[in-house]
Amino acid sequence: MAKHQIFTKNKDGVKMRKLPNYTVRFIGAALCISLLFGFAFPTLTNAQSSKGLGSSEDNGIRLTINDYSIINHGQDIQLHYTITSNSNIQVSSNTKSLIENPYIWIGHTLVREESESFKKVSNNEYKGTIIAQMHHYRTDNTEMSFHTHGIVNQKGQWTVNFMLKSSQY
């Protein structure tokens, strides 16, 4: 029986392992596919920006919608937000909501807020989540608009617009 030669010598006489052709083809194909996905879908490889999905500032208070998640089999949406201020944010212990009567539009449909939770991160920053109902009929890449006239007992105008990706619901 003839043995297959698994080593070869390069031009300097150094012994090197020779890979089978199918291994080289597989590695080459895998590399091409990973490069293709990296260029075609850069959001899969890039981290989300520090600005989140969008933000709005009024009276020294900034509202940032960081991200969202679709829950309850597509029936609800969780909006994750951050509120920051140039000064100390005073919130009493019995406060149930930092954002007064948010208007949440998905496309041309106003949806209803179901609940809000939040936590203090620092003296001038809070992070929270609002859960709202989603309507059943959504088009691809629907625009979402979040609007309120009051944050932490401060009157103003805060509006954040962003796109809901249909692949996520």
N, C-alpha and C. Protein backbone atom coordinates (compact mmCIF):
# COMPACT_ATOMS: atom_id res chain seq x y z
N MET A 1 0.82 -1.18 0.00
CA MET A 1 0.00 0.00 0.00
C MET A 1 0.87 1.24 0.00
N ALA A 2 0.44 2.19 -0.79
CA ALA A 2 1.18 3.45 -0.86
C ALA A 2 0.62 4.40 0.18
N LYS A 3 1.50 5.04 0.88
CA LYS A 3 1.08 6.04 1.87
C LYS A 3 0.99 7.39 1.19
N HIS A 4 -0.03 8.18 1.62
CA HIS A 4 -0.16 9.54 1.11
C HIS A 4 0.84 10.42 1.82
N GLN A 5 1.46 11.27 1.07
CA GLN A 5 2.44 12.18 1.67
C GLN A 5 1.67 13.35 2.29
N ILE A 6 1.80 13.53 3.62
CA ILE A 6 1.10 14.62 4.30
C ILE A 6 2.04 15.78 4.59
N PHE A 7 3.31 15.62 4.30
CA PHE A 7 4.25 16.71 4.50
C PHE A 7 4.91 17.03 3.16
N THR A 8 5.30 18.27 3.01
CA THR A 8 6.01 18.71 1.83
C THR A 8 7.10 19.67 2.29
N LYS A 9 8.04 19.92 1.46
CA LYS A 9 9.11 20.87 1.80
C LYS A 9 8.93 22.12 0.98
N ASN A 10 9.13 23.28 1.63
CA ASN A 10 9.06 24.53 0.88
C ASN A 10 10.40 24.81 0.23
N LYS A 11 10.53 25.99 -0.39
CA LYS A 11 11.75 26.30 -1.15
C LYS A 11 12.99 26.37 -0.26
N ASP A 12 12.80 26.59 1.05
CA ASP A 12 13.94 26.65 1.97
C ASP A 12 14.26 25.29 2.58
N GLY A 13 13.53 24.25 2.17
CA GLY A 13 13.77 22.91 2.69
C GLY A 13 13.10 22.64 4.01
N VAL A 14 12.19 23.53 4.46
CA VAL A 14 11.49 23.34 5.72
C VAL A 14 10.30 22.42 5.48
N LYS A 15 10.15 21.42 6.32
CA LYS A 15 9.06 20.47 6.21
C LYS A 15 7.75 21.15 6.66
N MET A 16 6.72 21.10 5.80
CA MET A 16 5.43 21.72 6.09
C MET A 16 4.33 20.69 5.88
N ARG A 17 3.27 20.81 6.66
CA ARG A 17 2.14 19.88 6.50
C ARG A 17 1.31 20.30 5.30
N LYS A 18 0.93 19.36 4.49
CA LYS A 18 0.10 19.61 3.31
C LYS A 18 -1.34 19.27 3.67
N LEU A 19 -2.24 20.25 3.51
CA LEU A 19 -3.65 20.02 3.81
C LEU A 19 -4.34 19.42 2.59
N PRO A 20 -5.30 18.53 2.82
CA PRO A 20 -6.06 17.98 1.69
C PRO A 20 -6.82 19.09 0.96
N ASN A 21 -7.09 18.91 -0.32
CA ASN A 21 -7.77 19.93 -1.13
C ASN A 21 -9.15 20.28 -0.58
N TYR A 22 -9.91 19.28 -0.10
CA TYR A 22 -11.26 19.57 0.40
C TYR A 22 -11.20 20.45 1.64
N THR A 23 -10.17 20.31 2.47
CA THR A 23 -10.02 21.16 3.65
C THR A 23 -9.73 22.60 3.23
N VAL A 24 -8.87 22.77 2.27
CA VAL A 24 -8.52 24.10 1.78
C VAL A 24 -9.75 24.76 1.17
N ARG A 25 -10.53 24.01 0.39
CA ARG A 25 -11.75 24.57 -0.23
C ARG A 25 -12.77 24.96 0.83
N PHE A 26 -12.95 24.10 1.85
CA PHE A 26 -13.90 24.40 2.91
C PHE A 26 -13.52 25.67 3.66
N ILE A 27 -12.25 25.79 4.01
CA ILE A 27 -11.78 26.99 4.73
C ILE A 27 -11.96 28.22 3.86
N GLY A 28 -11.65 28.12 2.58
CA GLY A 28 -11.82 29.25 1.66
C GLY A 28 -13.27 29.66 1.53
N ALA A 29 -14.18 28.68 1.40
CA ALA A 29 -15.61 28.99 1.29
C ALA A 29 -16.12 29.63 2.58
N ALA A 30 -15.72 29.10 3.73
CA ALA A 30 -16.15 29.67 5.01
C ALA A 30 -15.66 31.10 5.17
N LEU A 31 -14.44 31.37 4.77
CA LEU A 31 -13.90 32.72 4.84
C LEU A 31 -14.66 33.66 3.93
N CYS A 32 -14.96 33.23 2.70
CA CYS A 32 -15.72 34.08 1.77
C CYS A 32 -17.11 34.39 2.31
N ILE A 33 -17.79 33.38 2.86
CA ILE A 33 -19.13 33.59 3.40
C ILE A 33 -19.09 34.56 4.58
N SER A 34 -18.13 34.40 5.48
CA SER A 34 -18.06 35.31 6.63
C SER A 34 -17.75 36.73 6.19
N LEU A 35 -16.90 36.90 5.20
CA LEU A 35 -16.62 38.24 4.69
C LEU A 35 -17.84 38.84 4.01
N LEU A 36 -18.57 38.02 3.25
CA LEU A 36 -19.77 38.48 2.57
C LEU A 36 -20.80 38.98 3.59
N PHE A 37 -21.04 38.21 4.65
CA PHE A 37 -22.00 38.63 5.66
C PHE A 37 -21.51 39.87 6.40
N GLY A 38 -20.24 39.99 6.61
CA GLY A 38 -19.70 41.18 7.28
C GLY A 38 -19.92 42.44 6.48
N PHE A 39 -19.82 42.36 5.14
CA PHE A 39 -20.04 43.53 4.30
C PHE A 39 -21.52 43.77 4.01
N ALA A 40 -22.28 42.69 3.82
CA ALA A 40 -23.69 42.83 3.47
C ALA A 40 -24.54 43.22 4.66
N PHE A 41 -24.17 42.76 5.85
CA PHE A 41 -24.95 43.04 7.05
C PHE A 41 -24.05 43.62 8.13
N PRO A 42 -23.58 44.86 7.96
CA PRO A 42 -22.65 45.41 8.95
C PRO A 42 -23.24 45.57 10.33
N THR A 43 -24.58 45.65 10.43
CA THR A 43 -25.18 45.81 11.76
C THR A 43 -25.02 44.55 12.59
N LEU A 44 -24.77 43.41 11.94
CA LEU A 44 -24.55 42.19 12.71
C LEU A 44 -23.18 42.21 13.37
N THR A 45 -22.24 42.96 12.80
CA THR A 45 -20.89 42.96 13.34
C THR A 45 -20.58 44.23 14.13
N ASN A 46 -21.34 45.29 13.94
CA ASN A 46 -21.07 46.55 14.65
C ASN A 46 -21.92 46.64 15.90
N ALA A 47 -21.37 47.19 16.95
CA ALA A 47 -22.14 47.41 18.18
C ALA A 47 -23.09 48.58 17.97
N GLN A 48 -24.18 48.58 18.73
CA GLN A 48 -25.15 49.67 18.62
C GLN A 48 -24.50 50.96 19.09
N SER A 49 -24.86 52.05 18.43
CA SER A 49 -24.23 53.32 18.77
C SER A 49 -24.64 53.76 20.17
N SER A 50 -23.83 54.62 20.76
CA SER A 50 -24.10 55.09 22.12
C SER A 50 -25.30 56.03 22.17
N LYS A 51 -25.76 56.50 21.01
CA LYS A 51 -26.92 57.39 20.97
C LYS A 51 -28.23 56.63 20.99
N GLY A 52 -28.19 55.31 20.93
CA GLY A 52 -29.41 54.53 20.93
C GLY A 52 -30.15 54.71 19.62
N LEU A 53 -31.47 54.59 19.67
CA LEU A 53 -32.29 54.73 18.48
C LEU A 53 -32.59 56.19 18.16
N GLY A 54 -32.52 57.03 19.16
CA GLY A 54 -32.78 58.46 18.98
C GLY A 54 -32.95 59.14 20.32
N SER A 55 -32.81 60.45 20.33
CA SER A 55 -32.98 61.18 21.57
C SER A 55 -33.54 62.56 21.30
N SER A 56 -34.04 63.19 22.35
CA SER A 56 -34.62 64.52 22.28
C SER A 56 -34.29 65.23 23.60
N GLU A 57 -34.02 66.53 23.52
CA GLU A 57 -33.67 67.28 24.72
C GLU A 57 -34.50 68.55 24.80
N ASP A 58 -34.97 68.86 26.02
CA ASP A 58 -35.69 70.10 26.28
C ASP A 58 -35.50 70.44 27.76
N ASN A 59 -35.35 71.70 28.06
CA ASN A 59 -35.21 72.19 29.44
C ASN A 59 -34.11 71.46 30.22
N GLY A 60 -33.03 71.09 29.55
CA GLY A 60 -31.91 70.44 30.22
C GLY A 60 -32.10 68.97 30.52
N ILE A 61 -33.19 68.39 30.02
CA ILE A 61 -33.45 66.97 30.23
C ILE A 61 -33.41 66.27 28.87
N ARG A 62 -32.61 65.20 28.80
CA ARG A 62 -32.50 64.43 27.56
C ARG A 62 -33.18 63.09 27.74
N LEU A 63 -34.06 62.76 26.78
CA LEU A 63 -34.71 61.47 26.70
C LEU A 63 -34.09 60.71 25.54
N THR A 64 -33.55 59.52 25.82
CA THR A 64 -32.97 58.68 24.78
C THR A 64 -33.70 57.34 24.77
N ILE A 65 -34.17 56.95 23.59
CA ILE A 65 -34.72 55.61 23.43
C ILE A 65 -33.54 54.74 23.02
N ASN A 66 -33.10 53.87 23.93
CA ASN A 66 -31.91 53.06 23.70
C ASN A 66 -32.16 51.93 22.71
N ASP A 67 -33.21 51.16 22.95
CA ASP A 67 -33.56 50.07 22.07
C ASP A 67 -34.96 49.59 22.42
N TYR A 68 -35.40 48.57 21.73
CA TYR A 68 -36.72 48.01 22.00
C TYR A 68 -36.65 46.50 21.83
N SER A 69 -37.64 45.83 22.37
CA SER A 69 -37.79 44.40 22.15
C SER A 69 -39.28 44.09 22.04
N ILE A 70 -39.57 43.13 21.19
CA ILE A 70 -40.95 42.69 20.97
C ILE A 70 -41.17 41.49 21.89
N ILE A 71 -42.25 41.54 22.67
CA ILE A 71 -42.52 40.49 23.65
C ILE A 71 -43.95 39.97 23.50
N ASN A 72 -44.28 38.95 24.25
CA ASN A 72 -45.62 38.36 24.28
C ASN A 72 -46.12 37.98 22.89
N HIS A 73 -45.26 37.30 22.14
CA HIS A 73 -45.60 36.80 20.80
C HIS A 73 -46.03 37.92 19.87
N GLY A 74 -45.36 39.06 19.97
CA GLY A 74 -45.64 40.19 19.08
C GLY A 74 -46.78 41.08 19.51
N GLN A 75 -47.33 40.85 20.69
CA GLN A 75 -48.45 41.65 21.16
C GLN A 75 -48.02 42.96 21.82
N ASP A 76 -46.81 42.98 22.41
CA ASP A 76 -46.34 44.15 23.14
C ASP A 76 -44.93 44.52 22.71
N ILE A 77 -44.58 45.76 22.99
CA ILE A 77 -43.23 46.25 22.72
C ILE A 77 -42.68 46.83 24.02
N GLN A 78 -41.42 46.54 24.32
CA GLN A 78 -40.72 47.14 25.46
C GLN A 78 -39.79 48.20 24.90
N LEU A 79 -39.95 49.42 25.37
CA LEU A 79 -39.07 50.52 24.99
C LEU A 79 -38.14 50.80 26.15
N HIS A 80 -36.84 50.67 25.92
CA HIS A 80 -35.84 50.90 26.95
C HIS A 80 -35.29 52.31 26.77
N TYR A 81 -35.38 53.12 27.81
CA TYR A 81 -35.01 54.53 27.70
C TYR A 81 -34.03 54.94 28.80
N THR A 82 -33.40 56.10 28.56
CA THR A 82 -32.54 56.74 29.55
C THR A 82 -32.95 58.20 29.63
N ILE A 83 -33.05 58.70 30.85
CA ILE A 83 -33.30 60.13 31.08
C ILE A 83 -32.07 60.68 31.79
N THR A 84 -31.49 61.73 31.22
CA THR A 84 -30.35 62.39 31.84
C THR A 84 -30.65 63.88 31.95
N SER A 85 -30.03 64.50 32.94
CA SER A 85 -30.23 65.92 33.17
C SER A 85 -28.89 66.57 33.51
N ASN A 86 -28.80 67.87 33.25
CA ASN A 86 -27.61 68.63 33.62
C ASN A 86 -27.51 68.82 35.13
N SER A 87 -28.65 68.68 35.81
CA SER A 87 -28.67 68.86 37.26
C SER A 87 -29.24 67.61 37.93
N ASN A 88 -29.27 67.63 39.24
CA ASN A 88 -29.78 66.52 40.03
C ASN A 88 -31.26 66.32 39.75
N ILE A 89 -31.68 65.08 39.46
CA ILE A 89 -33.08 64.76 39.21
C ILE A 89 -33.72 64.36 40.54
N GLN A 90 -34.74 65.11 40.95
CA GLN A 90 -35.45 64.83 42.19
C GLN A 90 -36.69 64.01 41.90
N VAL A 91 -36.73 62.77 42.40
CA VAL A 91 -37.87 61.88 42.21
C VAL A 91 -38.27 61.35 43.57
N SER A 92 -39.54 61.52 43.92
CA SER A 92 -40.01 61.02 45.22
C SER A 92 -40.15 59.49 45.17
N SER A 93 -40.13 58.87 46.32
CA SER A 93 -40.15 57.41 46.40
C SER A 93 -41.48 56.81 45.93
N ASN A 94 -42.56 57.59 45.94
CA ASN A 94 -43.86 57.05 45.51
C ASN A 94 -44.17 57.36 44.04
N THR A 95 -43.20 57.87 43.29
CA THR A 95 -43.41 58.17 41.87
C THR A 95 -43.57 56.86 41.10
N LYS A 96 -44.62 56.77 40.31
CA LYS A 96 -44.90 55.56 39.52
C LYS A 96 -44.40 55.68 38.09
N SER A 97 -44.22 56.94 37.61
CA SER A 97 -43.83 57.14 36.23
C SER A 97 -42.97 58.38 36.11
N LEU A 98 -41.89 58.28 35.33
CA LEU A 98 -41.04 59.44 35.07
C LEU A 98 -41.53 60.22 33.85
N ILE A 99 -42.21 59.52 32.95
CA ILE A 99 -42.67 60.12 31.70
C ILE A 99 -44.19 60.26 31.77
N GLU A 100 -44.66 61.51 31.64
CA GLU A 100 -46.09 61.78 31.74
C GLU A 100 -46.79 61.49 30.42
N ASN A 101 -47.82 60.68 30.48
CA ASN A 101 -48.70 60.39 29.34
C ASN A 101 -47.97 60.30 28.01
N PRO A 102 -47.14 59.30 27.83
CA PRO A 102 -46.45 59.20 26.55
C PRO A 102 -47.41 58.87 25.41
N TYR A 103 -47.18 59.50 24.28
CA TYR A 103 -47.90 59.20 23.06
C TYR A 103 -46.97 58.33 22.23
N ILE A 104 -47.39 57.10 21.99
CA ILE A 104 -46.57 56.15 21.27
C ILE A 104 -47.31 55.79 19.98
N TRP A 105 -46.72 56.19 18.87
CA TRP A 105 -47.32 55.94 17.57
C TRP A 105 -46.53 54.87 16.84
N ILE A 106 -47.22 53.85 16.34
CA ILE A 106 -46.62 52.87 15.46
C ILE A 106 -47.30 53.07 14.11
N GLY A 107 -46.56 53.61 13.16
CA GLY A 107 -47.18 54.02 11.91
C GLY A 107 -48.15 55.14 12.20
N HIS A 108 -49.41 54.96 11.82
CA HIS A 108 -50.43 55.98 12.06
C HIS A 108 -51.38 55.58 13.18
N THR A 109 -50.96 54.60 13.99
CA THR A 109 -51.82 54.10 15.06
C THR A 109 -51.24 54.46 16.42
N LEU A 110 -52.05 55.09 17.24
CA LEU A 110 -51.66 55.42 18.61
C LEU A 110 -51.86 54.16 19.45
N VAL A 111 -50.79 53.74 20.16
CA VAL A 111 -50.90 52.54 21.00
C VAL A 111 -50.88 52.95 22.46
N ARG A 112 -51.38 52.06 23.28
CA ARG A 112 -51.57 52.37 24.70
C ARG A 112 -50.43 51.85 25.54
N GLU A 113 -49.93 52.70 26.44
CA GLU A 113 -48.91 52.28 27.41
C GLU A 113 -49.58 51.38 28.44
N GLU A 114 -48.91 50.27 28.78
CA GLU A 114 -49.44 49.36 29.80
C GLU A 114 -48.74 49.52 31.13
N SER A 115 -47.41 49.72 31.09
CA SER A 115 -46.68 49.85 32.35
C SER A 115 -45.35 50.54 32.12
N GLU A 116 -44.77 51.03 33.23
CA GLU A 116 -43.46 51.66 33.20
C GLU A 116 -42.71 51.25 34.46
N SER A 117 -41.43 50.97 34.29
CA SER A 117 -40.57 50.73 35.44
C SER A 117 -39.27 51.49 35.20
N PHE A 118 -38.61 51.89 36.29
CA PHE A 118 -37.38 52.66 36.15
C PHE A 118 -36.51 52.46 37.37
N LYS A 119 -35.22 52.81 37.20
CA LYS A 119 -34.29 52.76 38.32
C LYS A 119 -33.31 53.93 38.21
N LYS A 120 -32.83 54.35 39.36
CA LYS A 120 -31.87 55.44 39.42
C LYS A 120 -30.48 54.87 39.13
N VAL A 121 -29.77 55.50 38.19
CA VAL A 121 -28.41 55.11 37.87
C VAL A 121 -27.42 56.02 38.59
N SER A 122 -27.73 57.32 38.60
CA SER A 122 -26.92 58.31 39.31
C SER A 122 -27.83 59.48 39.66
N ASN A 123 -27.28 60.52 40.26
CA ASN A 123 -28.09 61.69 40.63
C ASN A 123 -28.73 62.38 39.44
N ASN A 124 -28.14 62.23 38.26
CA ASN A 124 -28.71 62.90 37.09
C ASN A 124 -29.04 61.93 35.95
N GLU A 125 -29.23 60.63 36.28
CA GLU A 125 -29.57 59.66 35.24
C GLU A 125 -30.48 58.56 35.76
N TYR A 126 -31.52 58.26 34.98
CA TYR A 126 -32.44 57.16 35.25
C TYR A 126 -32.56 56.32 33.99
N LYS A 127 -32.74 55.01 34.18
CA LYS A 127 -33.01 54.10 33.07
C LYS A 127 -34.35 53.44 33.35
N GLY A 128 -35.11 53.22 32.27
CA GLY A 128 -36.42 52.63 32.47
C GLY A 128 -36.91 51.88 31.26
N THR A 129 -38.08 51.27 31.44
CA THR A 129 -38.73 50.50 30.39
C THR A 129 -40.21 50.81 30.40
N ILE A 130 -40.74 51.05 29.22
CA ILE A 130 -42.18 51.23 29.04
C ILE A 130 -42.65 50.06 28.18
N ILE A 131 -43.74 49.44 28.60
CA ILE A 131 -44.36 48.38 27.82
C ILE A 131 -45.65 48.95 27.23
N ALA A 132 -45.82 48.76 25.93
CA ALA A 132 -47.02 49.24 25.24
C ALA A 132 -47.56 48.15 24.34
N GLN A 133 -48.87 48.20 24.09
CA GLN A 133 -49.50 47.26 23.17
C GLN A 133 -49.11 47.61 21.74
N MET A 134 -48.97 46.59 20.92
CA MET A 134 -48.74 46.82 19.49
C MET A 134 -50.03 46.49 18.75
N HIS A 135 -50.27 47.20 17.66
CA HIS A 135 -51.42 46.83 16.85
C HIS A 135 -51.07 45.62 15.99
N HIS A 136 -52.05 44.92 15.50
CA HIS A 136 -51.81 43.65 14.82
C HIS A 136 -51.31 43.80 13.40
N TYR A 137 -51.68 44.84 12.72
CA TYR A 137 -51.33 44.97 11.31
C TYR A 137 -50.22 46.00 11.16
N ARG A 138 -49.02 45.49 10.85
CA ARG A 138 -47.86 46.36 10.71
C ARG A 138 -47.26 46.15 9.33
N THR A 139 -46.80 47.23 8.76
CA THR A 139 -46.12 47.13 7.49
C THR A 139 -44.63 46.91 7.74
N ASP A 140 -43.90 46.59 6.70
CA ASP A 140 -42.45 46.42 6.82
C ASP A 140 -41.80 47.73 7.23
N ASN A 141 -40.87 47.64 8.15
CA ASN A 141 -40.08 48.79 8.61
C ASN A 141 -40.96 50.00 8.92
N THR A 142 -41.84 49.82 9.88
CA THR A 142 -42.78 50.84 10.30
C THR A 142 -42.08 51.92 11.13
N GLU A 143 -42.46 53.17 10.91
CA GLU A 143 -41.90 54.26 11.71
C GLU A 143 -42.62 54.29 13.06
N MET A 144 -41.83 54.49 14.10
CA MET A 144 -42.38 54.62 15.44
C MET A 144 -42.04 55.99 15.97
N SER A 145 -42.99 56.59 16.67
CA SER A 145 -42.79 57.92 17.24
C SER A 145 -43.18 57.89 18.71
N PHE A 146 -42.29 58.40 19.55
CA PHE A 146 -42.51 58.47 20.99
C PHE A 146 -42.52 59.94 21.36
N HIS A 147 -43.60 60.41 21.99
CA HIS A 147 -43.73 61.83 22.30
C HIS A 147 -44.31 62.01 23.70
N THR A 148 -43.80 63.02 24.42
CA THR A 148 -44.35 63.37 25.73
C THR A 148 -44.20 64.87 25.97
N HIS A 149 -45.08 65.38 26.86
CA HIS A 149 -45.05 66.79 27.24
C HIS A 149 -44.47 66.99 28.65
N GLY A 150 -44.08 65.89 29.31
CA GLY A 150 -43.56 66.03 30.66
C GLY A 150 -42.67 64.88 31.07
N ILE A 151 -41.52 65.23 31.63
CA ILE A 151 -40.60 64.23 32.17
C ILE A 151 -40.16 64.70 33.55
N VAL A 152 -40.29 63.84 34.53
CA VAL A 152 -39.87 64.12 35.91
C VAL A 152 -40.44 65.46 36.39
N ASN A 153 -41.75 65.61 36.22
CA ASN A 153 -42.47 66.82 36.64
C ASN A 153 -41.97 68.10 35.97
N GLN A 154 -41.28 67.98 34.86
CA GLN A 154 -40.80 69.13 34.09
C GLN A 154 -41.59 69.17 32.78
N LYS A 155 -42.18 70.31 32.48
CA LYS A 155 -42.93 70.46 31.22
C LYS A 155 -41.96 70.72 30.08
N GLY A 156 -42.31 70.24 28.90
CA GLY A 156 -41.49 70.43 27.71
C GLY A 156 -42.02 69.62 26.56
N GLN A 157 -41.22 69.45 25.53
CA GLN A 157 -41.58 68.69 24.34
C GLN A 157 -40.45 67.73 24.02
N TRP A 158 -40.70 66.45 24.09
CA TRP A 158 -39.70 65.43 23.76
C TRP A 158 -40.32 64.49 22.72
N THR A 159 -39.67 64.36 21.59
CA THR A 159 -40.13 63.46 20.53
C THR A 159 -38.94 62.68 19.99
N VAL A 160 -39.09 61.37 19.91
CA VAL A 160 -38.06 60.50 19.35
C VAL A 160 -38.72 59.63 18.29
N ASN A 161 -38.18 59.68 17.07
CA ASN A 161 -38.68 58.87 15.96
C ASN A 161 -37.62 57.85 15.57
N PHE A 162 -38.06 56.63 15.26
CA PHE A 162 -37.15 55.59 14.80
C PHE A 162 -37.95 54.54 14.04
N MET A 163 -37.26 53.62 13.41
CA MET A 163 -37.90 52.59 12.60
C MET A 163 -37.95 51.26 13.36
N LEU A 164 -39.11 50.61 13.30
CA LEU A 164 -39.24 49.24 13.80
C LEU A 164 -38.87 48.32 12.64
N LYS A 165 -37.95 47.44 12.86
CA LYS A 165 -37.52 46.49 11.83
C LYS A 165 -38.50 45.32 11.79
N SER A 166 -39.05 45.04 10.63
CA SER A 166 -40.04 43.97 10.51
C SER A 166 -39.45 42.61 10.85
N SER A 167 -38.13 42.46 10.74
CA SER A 167 -37.51 41.18 11.08
C SER A 167 -37.55 40.90 12.57
N GLN A 168 -37.90 41.89 13.37
CA GLN A 168 -37.91 41.70 14.82
C GLN A 168 -39.30 41.44 15.38
N TYR A 169 -40.32 41.44 14.52
CA TYR A 169 -41.65 41.09 15.00
C TYR A 169 -42.36 40.17 14.06
